[in-house]
């Protein structure tokens, strides 16, 4: 608890978030981390499918998410899947020029992305129990702030900069990501159906 200003619940929460870290090299394969490689469209679509699967697996591993009703889990992922996808793509050095300049350069380390992804709850449309979701959102934001302060004490504005970058995750729209990466694999199957099946 000491590195987190005496908030022992925060250190435990941070540990749980870090354990859900979705960016191990083995999960994506070597081609993902070699941006100079030329990837065919089939390989890019396969990598995109792995990134989406990884985002869902990460969500299932974060604190309290599995305790939400299935309908709320699906609603939250439906609202944020494209942002999680962009974060995963940035962290694994996917050829982001395919999605445009707004997709890259989010954080300086992999731990920034899981925290930031757990912080925003976009619009609460479709949630049956908003209170528990807001509670987790507040804990995540506090945990991110404490984590950033303890890990980067020489960068006092880092937390604010991360929060200011969150809206940029929405610049690459979900329909564009679906069209670019998933239509070849799943046709007209809605992403929401895939998310529900993965959960």
C-alpha atoms as a PDB file:
ATOM      1  CA  UNK A   1       0.000   0.000   0.000  1.00  0.00           C
ATOM      2  CA  UNK A   2       2.855   2.467   0.592  1.00  0.00           C
ATOM      3  CA  UNK A   3       3.541   3.375  -3.074  1.00  0.00           C
ATOM      4  CA  UNK A   4      -0.130   4.272  -3.446  1.00  0.00           C
ATOM      5  CA  UNK A   5      -0.389   6.885  -0.699  1.00  0.00           C
ATOM      6  CA  UNK A   6      -1.634   4.394   1.853  1.00  0.00           C
ATOM      7  CA  UNK A   7      -4.639   3.305  -0.191  1.00  0.00           C
ATOM      8  CA  UNK A   8      -4.198  -0.444   0.088  1.00  0.00           C
ATOM      9  CA  UNK A   9      -7.373  -1.102  -1.901  1.00  0.00           C
ATOM     10  CA  UNK A  10      -5.791   0.802  -4.786  1.00  0.00           C
ATOM     11  CA  UNK A  11      -2.646  -1.317  -4.782  1.00  0.00           C
ATOM     12  CA  UNK A  12      -4.790  -4.460  -4.919  1.00  0.00           C
ATOM     13  CA  UNK A  13      -6.947  -3.001  -7.683  1.00  0.00           C
ATOM     14  CA  UNK A  14      -3.847  -1.966  -9.627  1.00  0.00           C
ATOM     15  CA  UNK A  15      -2.397  -5.462  -9.270  1.00  0.00           C
ATOM     16  CA  UNK A  16      -5.601  -6.968 -10.661  1.00  0.00           C
ATOM     17  CA  UNK A  17      -5.585  -4.587 -13.621  1.00  0.00           C
ATOM     18  CA  UNK A  18      -1.941  -5.301 -14.376  1.00  0.00           C
ATOM     19  CA  UNK A  19      -2.579  -9.066 -14.248  1.00  0.00           C
ATOM     20  CA  UNK A  20      -5.140  -8.589 -17.003  1.00  0.00           C
ATOM     21  CA  UNK A  21      -2.428  -7.026 -19.214  1.00  0.00           C
ATOM     22  CA  UNK A  22      -3.413  -7.963 -22.778  1.00  0.00           C
ATOM     23  CA  UNK A  23      -0.117  -7.445 -24.601  1.00  0.00           C
ATOM     24  CA  UNK A  24       2.128 -10.506 -24.273  1.00  0.00           C
ATOM     25  CA  UNK A  25       4.215 -10.987 -27.413  1.00  0.00           C
ATOM     26  CA  UNK A  26       3.225 -14.626 -27.796  1.00  0.00           C
ATOM     27  CA  UNK A  27      -0.465 -13.779 -28.085  1.00  0.00           C
ATOM     28  CA  UNK A  28      -0.011 -11.828 -31.321  1.00  0.00           C
ATOM     29  CA  UNK A  29       2.857 -13.603 -32.979  1.00  0.00           C
ATOM     30  CA  UNK A  30       6.201 -12.264 -34.096  1.00  0.00           C
ATOM     31  CA  UNK A  31       4.899 -10.525 -37.238  1.00  0.00           C
ATOM     32  CA  UNK A  32       2.903  -8.105 -35.104  1.00  0.00           C
ATOM     33  CA  UNK A  33       5.951  -6.643 -33.445  1.00  0.00           C
ATOM     34  CA  UNK A  34       7.931  -6.170 -36.654  1.00  0.00           C
ATOM     35  CA  UNK A  35       6.372  -3.134 -38.293  1.00  0.00           C
ATOM     36  CA  UNK A  36       8.809  -3.268 -41.215  1.00  0.00           C
ATOM     37  CA  UNK A  37       7.303  -6.563 -42.388  1.00  0.00           C
ATOM     38  CA  UNK A  38       4.853  -6.415 -45.261  1.00  0.00           C
ATOM     39  CA  UNK A  39       1.679  -8.216 -44.229  1.00  0.00           C
ATOM     40  CA  UNK A  40      -0.914  -9.545 -46.647  1.00  0.00           C
ATOM     41  CA  UNK A  41      -4.564  -8.658 -46.151  1.00  0.00           C
ATOM     42  CA  UNK A  42      -5.330 -12.153 -44.843  1.00  0.00           C
ATOM     43  CA  UNK A  43      -2.624 -11.835 -42.189  1.00  0.00           C
ATOM     44  CA  UNK A  44      -3.810  -8.374 -41.211  1.00  0.00           C
ATOM     45  CA  UNK A  45      -7.409  -9.580 -40.865  1.00  0.00           C
ATOM     46  CA  UNK A  46      -6.241 -12.578 -38.820  1.00  0.00           C
ATOM     47  CA  UNK A  47      -4.228 -10.274 -36.575  1.00  0.00           C
ATOM     48  CA  UNK A  48      -7.269  -8.006 -36.212  1.00  0.00           C
ATOM     49  CA  UNK A  49      -9.352 -10.974 -35.094  1.00  0.00           C
ATOM     50  CA  UNK A  50      -6.705 -11.844 -32.499  1.00  0.00           C
ATOM     51  CA  UNK A  51      -6.675  -8.246 -31.277  1.00  0.00           C
ATOM     52  CA  UNK A  52     -10.449  -8.245 -30.853  1.00  0.00           C
ATOM     53  CA  UNK A  53     -10.318 -11.595 -29.065  1.00  0.00           C
ATOM     54  CA  UNK A  54      -7.543 -10.255 -26.826  1.00  0.00           C
ATOM     55  CA  UNK A  55      -9.644  -7.197 -25.947  1.00  0.00           C
ATOM     56  CA  UNK A  56     -12.548  -9.429 -24.927  1.00  0.00           C
ATOM     57  CA  UNK A  57     -10.264 -11.721 -22.926  1.00  0.00           C
ATOM     58  CA  UNK A  58      -8.776  -8.676 -21.198  1.00  0.00           C
ATOM     59  CA  UNK A  59     -12.233  -7.397 -20.297  1.00  0.00           C
ATOM     60  CA  UNK A  60     -13.123 -10.772 -18.815  1.00  0.00           C
ATOM     61  CA  UNK A  61      -9.982 -10.588 -16.669  1.00  0.00           C
ATOM     62  CA  UNK A  62     -10.375  -7.085 -15.235  1.00  0.00           C
ATOM     63  CA  UNK A  63     -11.773  -6.612 -11.727  1.00  0.00           C
ATOM     64  CA  UNK A  64     -15.529  -6.756 -11.330  1.00  0.00           C
ATOM     65  CA  UNK A  65     -16.320  -7.057 -15.046  1.00  0.00           C
ATOM     66  CA  UNK A  66     -17.389 -10.723 -14.820  1.00  0.00           C
ATOM     67  CA  UNK A  67     -19.745  -9.747 -11.973  1.00  0.00           C
ATOM     68  CA  UNK A  68     -21.797  -7.484 -14.254  1.00  0.00           C
ATOM     69  CA  UNK A  69     -24.872  -8.962 -15.913  1.00  0.00           C
ATOM     70  CA  UNK A  70     -24.107 -10.472 -19.320  1.00  0.00           C
ATOM     71  CA  UNK A  71     -26.267  -7.839 -21.004  1.00  0.00           C
ATOM     72  CA  UNK A  72     -24.198  -5.088 -19.329  1.00  0.00           C
ATOM     73  CA  UNK A  73     -20.933  -6.793 -20.297  1.00  0.00           C
ATOM     74  CA  UNK A  74     -22.090  -6.895 -23.915  1.00  0.00           C
ATOM     75  CA  UNK A  75     -23.323  -3.277 -23.773  1.00  0.00           C
ATOM     76  CA  UNK A  76     -20.000  -2.031 -22.368  1.00  0.00           C
ATOM     77  CA  UNK A  77     -17.960  -3.917 -24.943  1.00  0.00           C
ATOM     78  CA  UNK A  78     -20.291  -2.845 -27.746  1.00  0.00           C
ATOM     79  CA  UNK A  79     -19.609   0.780 -26.759  1.00  0.00           C
ATOM     80  CA  UNK A  80     -15.845   0.414 -26.342  1.00  0.00           C
ATOM     81  CA  UNK A  81     -14.651  -2.468 -28.529  1.00  0.00           C
ATOM     82  CA  UNK A  82     -13.249  -0.204 -31.249  1.00  0.00           C
ATOM     83  CA  UNK A  83     -11.308   1.876 -28.704  1.00  0.00           C
ATOM     84  CA  UNK A  84      -9.887  -1.280 -27.137  1.00  0.00           C
ATOM     85  CA  UNK A  85      -9.005  -2.496 -30.627  1.00  0.00           C
ATOM     86  CA  UNK A  86      -7.104   0.715 -31.393  1.00  0.00           C
ATOM     87  CA  UNK A  87      -5.243   0.447 -28.068  1.00  0.00           C
ATOM     88  CA  UNK A  88      -4.320  -3.179 -28.732  1.00  0.00           C
ATOM     89  CA  UNK A  89      -3.221  -2.321 -32.265  1.00  0.00           C
ATOM     90  CA  UNK A  90      -1.040   0.529 -31.010  1.00  0.00           C
ATOM     91  CA  UNK A  91       0.542  -1.606 -28.298  1.00  0.00           C
ATOM     92  CA  UNK A  92       1.455  -4.449 -30.655  1.00  0.00           C
ATOM     93  CA  UNK A  93       2.757  -2.092 -33.368  1.00  0.00           C
ATOM     94  CA  UNK A  94       0.154  -3.113 -35.933  1.00  0.00           C
ATOM     95  CA  UNK A  95       0.561  -1.273 -39.238  1.00  0.00           C
ATOM     96  CA  UNK A  96      -1.563   1.628 -38.019  1.00  0.00           C
ATOM     97  CA  UNK A  97      -1.153   3.678 -41.176  1.00  0.00           C
ATOM     98  CA  UNK A  98      -4.062   1.545 -42.362  1.00  0.00           C
ATOM     99  CA  UNK A  99      -6.331   3.255 -39.830  1.00  0.00           C
ATOM    100  CA  UNK A 100      -4.992   6.788 -40.052  1.00  0.00           C
ATOM    101  CA  UNK A 101      -2.688   9.005 -37.968  1.00  0.00           C
ATOM    102  CA  UNK A 102      -4.981   9.223 -34.942  1.00  0.00           C
ATOM    103  CA  UNK A 103      -4.506   5.577 -34.003  1.00  0.00           C
ATOM    104  CA  UNK A 104      -0.872   5.598 -32.911  1.00  0.00           C
ATOM    105  CA  UNK A 105       1.156   7.019 -30.067  1.00  0.00           C
ATOM    106  CA  UNK A 106      -1.246   6.615 -27.175  1.00  0.00           C
ATOM    107  CA  UNK A 107       0.936   5.805 -24.207  1.00  0.00           C
ATOM    108  CA  UNK A 108       4.573   5.272 -23.436  1.00  0.00           C
ATOM    109  CA  UNK A 109       4.112   1.815 -21.997  1.00  0.00           C
ATOM    110  CA  UNK A 110       1.737  -1.110 -22.149  1.00  0.00           C
ATOM    111  CA  UNK A 111       0.369  -0.496 -18.661  1.00  0.00           C
ATOM    112  CA  UNK A 112      -0.998   2.923 -19.668  1.00  0.00           C
ATOM    113  CA  UNK A 113      -3.395   1.376 -22.171  1.00  0.00           C
ATOM    114  CA  UNK A 114      -5.163  -1.216 -19.901  1.00  0.00           C
ATOM    115  CA  UNK A 115      -5.729   1.512 -17.264  1.00  0.00           C
ATOM    116  CA  UNK A 116      -7.038   4.011 -19.786  1.00  0.00           C
ATOM    117  CA  UNK A 117      -9.272   1.463 -21.416  1.00  0.00           C
ATOM    118  CA  UNK A 118     -10.818   0.632 -18.081  1.00  0.00           C
ATOM    119  CA  UNK A 119     -11.409   4.258 -17.211  1.00  0.00           C
ATOM    120  CA  UNK A 120     -13.860   5.596 -19.761  1.00  0.00           C
ATOM    121  CA  UNK A 121     -17.477   4.470 -19.850  1.00  0.00           C
ATOM    122  CA  UNK A 122     -18.633   6.096 -23.071  1.00  0.00           C
ATOM    123  CA  UNK A 123     -22.399   6.568 -23.123  1.00  0.00           C
ATOM    124  CA  UNK A 124     -24.363   4.451 -20.684  1.00  0.00           C
ATOM    125  CA  UNK A 125     -26.985   3.468 -23.244  1.00  0.00           C
ATOM    126  CA  UNK A 126     -28.266  -0.041 -22.674  1.00  0.00           C
ATOM    127  CA  UNK A 127     -26.862  -0.603 -19.180  1.00  0.00           C
ATOM    128  CA  UNK A 128     -29.268  -2.122 -16.691  1.00  0.00           C
ATOM    129  CA  UNK A 129     -27.107  -1.388 -13.620  1.00  0.00           C
ATOM    130  CA  UNK A 130     -25.264   1.900 -14.005  1.00  0.00           C
ATOM    131  CA  UNK A 131     -24.164   2.234 -10.342  1.00  0.00           C
ATOM    132  CA  UNK A 132     -21.680  -0.675 -10.252  1.00  0.00           C
ATOM    133  CA  UNK A 133     -20.212   0.393 -13.595  1.00  0.00           C
ATOM    134  CA  UNK A 134     -19.700   3.971 -12.394  1.00  0.00           C
ATOM    135  CA  UNK A 135     -18.105   2.678  -9.191  1.00  0.00           C
ATOM    136  CA  UNK A 136     -15.567   0.622 -11.151  1.00  0.00           C
ATOM    137  CA  UNK A 137     -14.949   3.586 -13.429  1.00  0.00           C
ATOM    138  CA  UNK A 138     -14.140   5.818 -10.441  1.00  0.00           C
ATOM    139  CA  UNK A 139     -11.833   3.188  -8.908  1.00  0.00           C
ATOM    140  CA  UNK A 140     -10.075   2.759 -12.245  1.00  0.00           C
ATOM    141  CA  UNK A 141      -9.535   6.479 -12.612  1.00  0.00           C
ATOM    142  CA  UNK A 142      -8.140   6.748  -9.068  1.00  0.00           C
ATOM    143  CA  UNK A 143      -5.947   3.719  -9.662  1.00  0.00           C
ATOM    144  CA  UNK A 144      -4.604   5.171 -12.912  1.00  0.00           C
ATOM    145  CA  UNK A 145      -3.802   8.454 -11.213  1.00  0.00           C
ATOM    146  CA  UNK A 146      -1.992   6.744  -8.325  1.00  0.00           C
ATOM    147  CA  UNK A 147      -0.197   4.355 -10.666  1.00  0.00           C
ATOM    148  CA  UNK A 148       1.019   7.161 -12.918  1.00  0.00           C
ATOM    149  CA  UNK A 149       2.201   9.247  -9.954  1.00  0.00           C
ATOM    150  CA  UNK A 150       4.089   6.323  -8.395  1.00  0.00           C
ATOM    151  CA  UNK A 151       5.610   5.020 -11.638  1.00  0.00           C
ATOM    152  CA  UNK A 152       6.407   8.394 -13.234  1.00  0.00           C
ATOM    153  CA  UNK A 153       7.026  10.865 -10.397  1.00  0.00           C
ATOM    154  CA  UNK A 154       9.092  13.107 -12.659  1.00  0.00           C
ATOM    155  CA  UNK A 155       6.123  13.588 -15.028  1.00  0.00           C
ATOM    156  CA  UNK A 156       3.425  15.314 -12.956  1.00  0.00           C
ATOM    157  CA  UNK A 157       1.289  16.122 -15.997  1.00  0.00           C
ATOM    158  CA  UNK A 158       1.290  12.566 -17.407  1.00  0.00           C
ATOM    159  CA  UNK A 159      -2.100  11.625 -15.901  1.00  0.00           C
ATOM    160  CA  UNK A 160      -3.764  14.708 -17.376  1.00  0.00           C
ATOM    161  CA  UNK A 161      -2.161  14.089 -20.762  1.00  0.00           C
ATOM    162  CA  UNK A 162      -3.476  10.514 -20.778  1.00  0.00           C
ATOM    163  CA  UNK A 163      -6.993  11.680 -19.963  1.00  0.00           C
ATOM    164  CA  UNK A 164      -6.834  14.286 -22.720  1.00  0.00           C
ATOM    165  CA  UNK A 165      -5.862  11.609 -25.235  1.00  0.00           C
ATOM    166  CA  UNK A 166      -8.851   9.364 -24.513  1.00  0.00           C
ATOM    167  CA  UNK A 167     -11.201  11.129 -26.969  1.00  0.00           C
ATOM    168  CA  UNK A 168      -8.736  10.494 -29.793  1.00  0.00           C
ATOM    169  CA  UNK A 169      -9.505   6.790 -29.502  1.00  0.00           C
ATOM    170  CA  UNK A 170     -12.922   7.514 -30.998  1.00  0.00           C
ATOM    171  CA  UNK A 171     -11.523   9.219 -34.096  1.00  0.00           C
ATOM    172  CA  UNK A 172     -11.263   5.842 -35.827  1.00  0.00           C
ATOM    173  CA  UNK A 173     -14.899   4.829 -36.012  1.00  0.00           C
ATOM    174  CA  UNK A 174     -16.157   1.327 -35.296  1.00  0.00           C
ATOM    175  CA  UNK A 175     -17.783   0.973 -38.759  1.00  0.00           C
ATOM    176  CA  UNK A 176     -14.454   1.834 -40.424  1.00  0.00           C
ATOM    177  CA  UNK A 177     -12.619  -0.773 -38.341  1.00  0.00           C
ATOM    178  CA  UNK A 178     -15.314  -3.350 -39.134  1.00  0.00           C
ATOM    179  CA  UNK A 179     -15.074  -2.613 -42.856  1.00  0.00           C
ATOM    180  CA  UNK A 180     -11.271  -2.656 -42.953  1.00  0.00           C
ATOM    181  CA  UNK A 181     -10.580  -5.687 -40.809  1.00  0.00           C
ATOM    182  CA  UNK A 182     -13.622  -7.877 -40.183  1.00  0.00           C
ATOM    183  CA  UNK A 183     -15.869  -8.009 -43.257  1.00  0.00           C
ATOM    184  CA  UNK A 184     -13.529 -10.463 -45.016  1.00  0.00           C
ATOM    185  CA  UNK A 185     -13.552 -12.769 -41.984  1.00  0.00           C
ATOM    186  CA  UNK A 186     -17.131 -12.633 -40.725  1.00  0.00           C
ATOM    187  CA  UNK A 187     -19.129 -11.067 -43.544  1.00  0.00           C
ATOM    188  CA  UNK A 188     -22.160  -9.198 -42.289  1.00  0.00           C
ATOM    189  CA  UNK A 189     -22.103 -10.739 -38.812  1.00  0.00           C
ATOM    190  CA  UNK A 190     -22.402  -7.812 -36.370  1.00  0.00           C
ATOM    191  CA  UNK A 191     -19.495  -7.277 -33.986  1.00  0.00           C
ATOM    192  CA  UNK A 192     -22.000  -7.359 -31.131  1.00  0.00           C
ATOM    193  CA  UNK A 193     -22.813 -10.982 -32.036  1.00  0.00           C
ATOM    194  CA  UNK A 194     -19.106 -11.870 -32.015  1.00  0.00           C
ATOM    195  CA  UNK A 195     -18.666 -10.160 -28.646  1.00  0.00           C
ATOM    196  CA  UNK A 196     -21.578 -12.037 -27.135  1.00  0.00           C
ATOM    197  CA  UNK A 197     -20.233 -15.334 -28.485  1.00  0.00           C
ATOM    198  CA  UNK A 198     -16.745 -14.621 -27.110  1.00  0.00           C
ATOM    199  CA  UNK A 199     -18.151 -13.772 -23.692  1.00  0.00           C
END
